[in-house]
Amino acid sequence: MSAAHDYSTFWLLFGKYGPTMTIGQLREAFFPNAAMKTMANKHSAGLLPARTGDVYDTRDVALWWDTQRTSRR
């Protein structure tokens, strides 16, 4: 197995952000040029992973990103 298979999206995000991510961290990781208002609009439109309280579960973010990435192929 190659090194690429050793690290999943979840483990990369978990290593940097821990078990939860704020909307600011989500923006930093995936939408660095987006304004916070744009991020709020994306959340309201259901274009971001589900939020628990004021944070995103890193597992949900990883699943969301992997789904986004594979659907573009």
Protein backbone atom coordinates (compact mmCIF):
# COMPACT_ATOMS: atom_id res chain seq x y z
CA MET A 1 0.00 0.00 0.00
CA SER A 2 1.30 3.49 -0.82
CA ALA A 3 1.77 6.34 1.61
CA ALA A 4 -1.33 8.06 0.15
CA HIS A 5 -3.50 5.27 1.53
CA ASP A 6 -2.00 5.62 5.02
CA TYR A 7 -3.58 9.02 5.69
CA SER A 8 -7.27 9.65 5.12
CA THR A 9 -8.82 13.10 4.91
CA PHE A 10 -10.16 12.64 8.43
CA TRP A 11 -6.75 11.99 9.96
CA LEU A 12 -5.21 14.94 8.15
CA LEU A 13 -7.96 17.26 9.41
CA PHE A 14 -7.96 15.72 12.89
CA GLY A 15 -4.19 16.18 13.14
CA LYS A 16 -4.46 19.89 12.35
CA TYR A 17 -7.80 20.91 13.87
CA GLY A 18 -8.72 18.24 16.42
CA PRO A 19 -12.17 16.67 16.80
CA THR A 20 -14.14 19.78 15.81
CA MET A 21 -13.74 22.68 13.41
CA THR A 22 -15.15 26.19 13.56
CA ILE A 23 -16.56 27.87 10.48
CA GLY A 24 -13.37 29.94 10.37
CA GLN A 25 -11.23 26.81 10.28
CA LEU A 26 -13.46 25.28 7.61
CA ARG A 27 -13.03 28.46 5.57
CA GLU A 28 -9.26 28.41 6.09
CA ALA A 29 -9.00 24.80 4.94
CA PHE A 30 -11.39 24.75 1.96
CA PHE A 31 -12.45 28.31 1.01
CA PRO A 32 -9.52 30.60 1.93
CA ASN A 33 -10.71 33.49 -0.26
CA ALA A 34 -14.36 33.41 0.86
CA ALA A 35 -15.80 36.03 3.19
CA MET A 36 -17.51 34.93 6.39
CA LYS A 37 -20.83 36.13 4.94
CA THR A 38 -20.29 33.80 1.98
CA MET A 39 -19.59 30.94 4.38
CA ALA A 40 -22.80 31.71 6.29
CA ASN A 41 -24.72 31.70 3.00
CA LYS A 42 -23.15 28.36 2.00
CA HIS A 43 -24.18 26.92 5.37
CA SER A 44 -27.76 28.23 5.00
CA ALA A 45 -27.98 26.74 1.50
CA GLY A 46 -26.91 23.33 2.80
CA LEU A 47 -23.64 23.36 0.85
CA LEU A 48 -21.51 22.63 3.94
CA PRO A 49 -21.53 19.66 6.31
CA ALA A 50 -24.02 19.57 9.17
CA ARG A 51 -23.06 21.67 12.17
CA THR A 52 -23.45 20.67 15.80
CA GLY A 53 -23.94 23.82 17.81
CA ASP A 54 -21.30 26.26 16.61
CA VAL A 55 -18.80 23.67 15.38
CA TYR A 56 -18.42 21.03 12.68
CA ASP A 57 -17.46 17.46 13.54
CA THR A 58 -14.18 16.68 11.78
CA ARG A 59 -15.56 13.29 10.68
CA ASP A 60 -18.50 15.01 8.95
CA VAL A 61 -16.16 17.51 7.29
CA ALA A 62 -13.90 14.72 6.00
CA LEU A 63 -16.87 12.78 4.62
CA TRP A 64 -18.29 15.94 3.02
CA TRP A 65 -14.95 16.79 1.40
CA ASP A 66 -14.36 13.26 0.14
CA THR A 67 -17.86 13.28 -1.38
CA GLN A 68 -17.18 16.65 -3.04
CA ARG A 69 -13.84 15.49 -4.35
CA THR A 70 -15.04 12.18 -5.78
CA SER A 71 -18.22 13.60 -7.35
CA ARG A 72 -16.14 15.90 -9.58
CA ARG A 73 -14.38 13.04 -11.33
